[in-house]
C-alpha atoms as a PDB file:
ATOM      1  CA  UNK A   1      -7.741  -4.749  10.603  1.00  0.00           C
ATOM      2  CA  UNK A   2      -5.703  -7.438   9.485  1.00  0.00           C
ATOM      3  CA  UNK A   3      -5.288 -10.295  11.533  1.00  0.00           C
ATOM      4  CA  UNK A   4      -1.529 -10.630  12.931  1.00  0.00           C
ATOM      5  CA  UNK A   5      -1.159 -14.174  11.991  1.00  0.00           C
ATOM      6  CA  UNK A   6      -2.206 -13.196   8.389  1.00  0.00           C
ATOM      7  CA  UNK A   7      -0.222 -10.050   8.480  1.00  0.00           C
ATOM      8  CA  UNK A   8       2.754 -12.343   9.625  1.00  0.00           C
ATOM      9  CA  UNK A   9       2.645 -14.676   6.123  1.00  0.00           C
ATOM     10  CA  UNK A  10       1.725 -11.929   3.880  1.00  0.00           C
ATOM     11  CA  UNK A  11       4.938 -11.282   1.729  1.00  0.00           C
ATOM     12  CA  UNK A  12       5.565  -8.842  -1.641  1.00  0.00           C
ATOM     13  CA  UNK A  13       4.594 -10.665  -4.446  1.00  0.00           C
ATOM     14  CA  UNK A  14       6.934  -9.291  -6.612  1.00  0.00           C
ATOM     15  CA  UNK A  15      10.378 -10.239  -4.209  1.00  0.00           C
ATOM     16  CA  UNK A  16       8.438 -12.017  -1.232  1.00  0.00           C
ATOM     17  CA  UNK A  17      10.419  -8.976   1.350  1.00  0.00           C
ATOM     18  CA  UNK A  18       7.811  -8.665   4.942  1.00  0.00           C
ATOM     19  CA  UNK A  19       5.079  -6.036   4.216  1.00  0.00           C
ATOM     20  CA  UNK A  20       3.746  -4.292   7.536  1.00  0.00           C
ATOM     21  CA  UNK A  21       0.895  -2.152   8.212  1.00  0.00           C
ATOM     22  CA  UNK A  22       1.382   1.548   7.204  1.00  0.00           C
ATOM     23  CA  UNK A  23       1.784   4.254  10.168  1.00  0.00           C
ATOM     24  CA  UNK A  24      -0.403   6.740  10.227  1.00  0.00           C
ATOM     25  CA  UNK A  25       2.000   9.817   8.819  1.00  0.00           C
ATOM     26  CA  UNK A  26       2.508   7.603   5.598  1.00  0.00           C
ATOM     27  CA  UNK A  27      -1.116   7.438   5.129  1.00  0.00           C
ATOM     28  CA  UNK A  28      -1.315  10.960   5.715  1.00  0.00           C
ATOM     29  CA  UNK A  29       1.327  11.259   3.119  1.00  0.00           C
ATOM     30  CA  UNK A  30      -0.279   9.300   0.370  1.00  0.00           C
ATOM     31  CA  UNK A  31      -3.126  10.879   0.413  1.00  0.00           C
ATOM     32  CA  UNK A  32      -2.188  14.075  -0.126  1.00  0.00           C
ATOM     33  CA  UNK A  33      -1.107  12.719  -3.271  1.00  0.00           C
ATOM     34  CA  UNK A  34      -4.019  11.101  -4.043  1.00  0.00           C
ATOM     35  CA  UNK A  35      -6.332  14.202  -3.135  1.00  0.00           C
ATOM     36  CA  UNK A  36      -4.165  16.161  -4.963  1.00  0.00           C
ATOM     37  CA  UNK A  37      -4.565  14.094  -8.186  1.00  0.00           C
ATOM     38  CA  UNK A  38      -0.906  13.289  -8.450  1.00  0.00           C
ATOM     39  CA  UNK A  39      -0.485   9.790  -7.685  1.00  0.00           C
ATOM     40  CA  UNK A  40      -0.049   6.814 -10.084  1.00  0.00           C
ATOM     41  CA  UNK A  41      -0.093   3.069  -9.225  1.00  0.00           C
ATOM     42  CA  UNK A  42       2.780   0.980 -10.131  1.00  0.00           C
ATOM     43  CA  UNK A  43       0.262   0.043 -13.685  1.00  0.00           C
ATOM     44  CA  UNK A  44       0.055   3.819 -14.333  1.00  0.00           C
ATOM     45  CA  UNK A  45      -3.235   4.423 -13.147  1.00  0.00           C
ATOM     46  CA  UNK A  46      -4.471   7.459 -11.007  1.00  0.00           C
ATOM     47  CA  UNK A  47      -4.972   6.116  -7.552  1.00  0.00           C
ATOM     48  CA  UNK A  48      -8.720   8.414  -6.909  1.00  0.00           C
ATOM     49  CA  UNK A  49      -9.800   7.108  -3.232  1.00  0.00           C
ATOM     50  CA  UNK A  50      -7.754   7.903  -0.139  1.00  0.00           C
ATOM     51  CA  UNK A  51      -6.753   4.691   1.959  1.00  0.00           C
ATOM     52  CA  UNK A  52      -7.591   4.358   5.085  1.00  0.00           C
ATOM     53  CA  UNK A  53      -4.479   1.078   5.408  1.00  0.00           C
ATOM     54  CA  UNK A  54      -2.239   0.040   3.610  1.00  0.00           C
ATOM     55  CA  UNK A  55       0.819  -2.476   3.675  1.00  0.00           C
ATOM     56  CA  UNK A  56       4.600  -1.297   2.909  1.00  0.00           C
ATOM     57  CA  UNK A  57       7.256  -3.329   1.418  1.00  0.00           C
ATOM     58  CA  UNK A  58      10.661  -3.993   3.776  1.00  0.00           C
ATOM     59  CA  UNK A  59      12.482  -1.725   1.531  1.00  0.00           C
ATOM     60  CA  UNK A  60      10.276   1.036   1.945  1.00  0.00           C
ATOM     61  CA  UNK A  61      10.090   1.320  -1.827  1.00  0.00           C
ATOM     62  CA  UNK A  62       5.800   0.184  -2.227  1.00  0.00           C
ATOM     63  CA  UNK A  63       2.548   0.228  -0.405  1.00  0.00           C
ATOM     64  CA  UNK A  64      -0.270  -2.244  -1.132  1.00  0.00           C
ATOM     65  CA  UNK A  65      -3.253  -0.389  -0.547  1.00  0.00           C
ATOM     66  CA  UNK A  66      -6.370  -2.320   2.120  1.00  0.00           C
ATOM     67  CA  UNK A  67      -9.267  -1.757   0.704  1.00  0.00           C
ATOM     68  CA  UNK A  68     -12.496  -3.134   3.009  1.00  0.00           C
ATOM     69  CA  UNK A  69     -10.322  -4.629   5.249  1.00  0.00           C
ATOM     70  CA  UNK A  70      -8.803  -6.638   2.388  1.00  0.00           C
ATOM     71  CA  UNK A  71      -5.197  -6.273   0.933  1.00  0.00           C
ATOM     72  CA  UNK A  72      -4.547  -5.859  -2.399  1.00  0.00           C
ATOM     73  CA  UNK A  73      -1.000  -7.985  -3.051  1.00  0.00           C
ATOM     74  CA  UNK A  74      -1.682  -7.062  -6.816  1.00  0.00           C
ATOM     75  CA  UNK A  75       1.896  -5.277  -8.671  1.00  0.00           C
ATOM     76  CA  UNK A  76       0.797  -3.100 -10.381  1.00  0.00           C
ATOM     77  CA  UNK A  77      -2.221  -2.156  -7.642  1.00  0.00           C
ATOM     78  CA  UNK A  78       1.288  -0.922  -5.594  1.00  0.00           C
ATOM     79  CA  UNK A  79       1.870   2.662  -5.001  1.00  0.00           C
ATOM     80  CA  UNK A  80       5.025   4.252  -5.437  1.00  0.00           C
ATOM     81  CA  UNK A  81       6.602   5.836  -1.422  1.00  0.00           C
ATOM     82  CA  UNK A  82       9.410   7.442  -3.516  1.00  0.00           C
END
């Protein structure tokens, strides 16, 4: 999992809003959409692999996936939460 010190300095690369770890309920909802094949990331690519962790932007609009304990902090990889 992400070290608390790292979590405190990570911000959204688009607008510098704070990030927090996604809770289990949100991850379950996102993973349902992934498994249904209906979820695309901001870059328009279909998200194919379920997530075990993610970082949610403060305004709750985007989730940045964490893959193999590494946060993917690319705007095009962000997953919409609307």
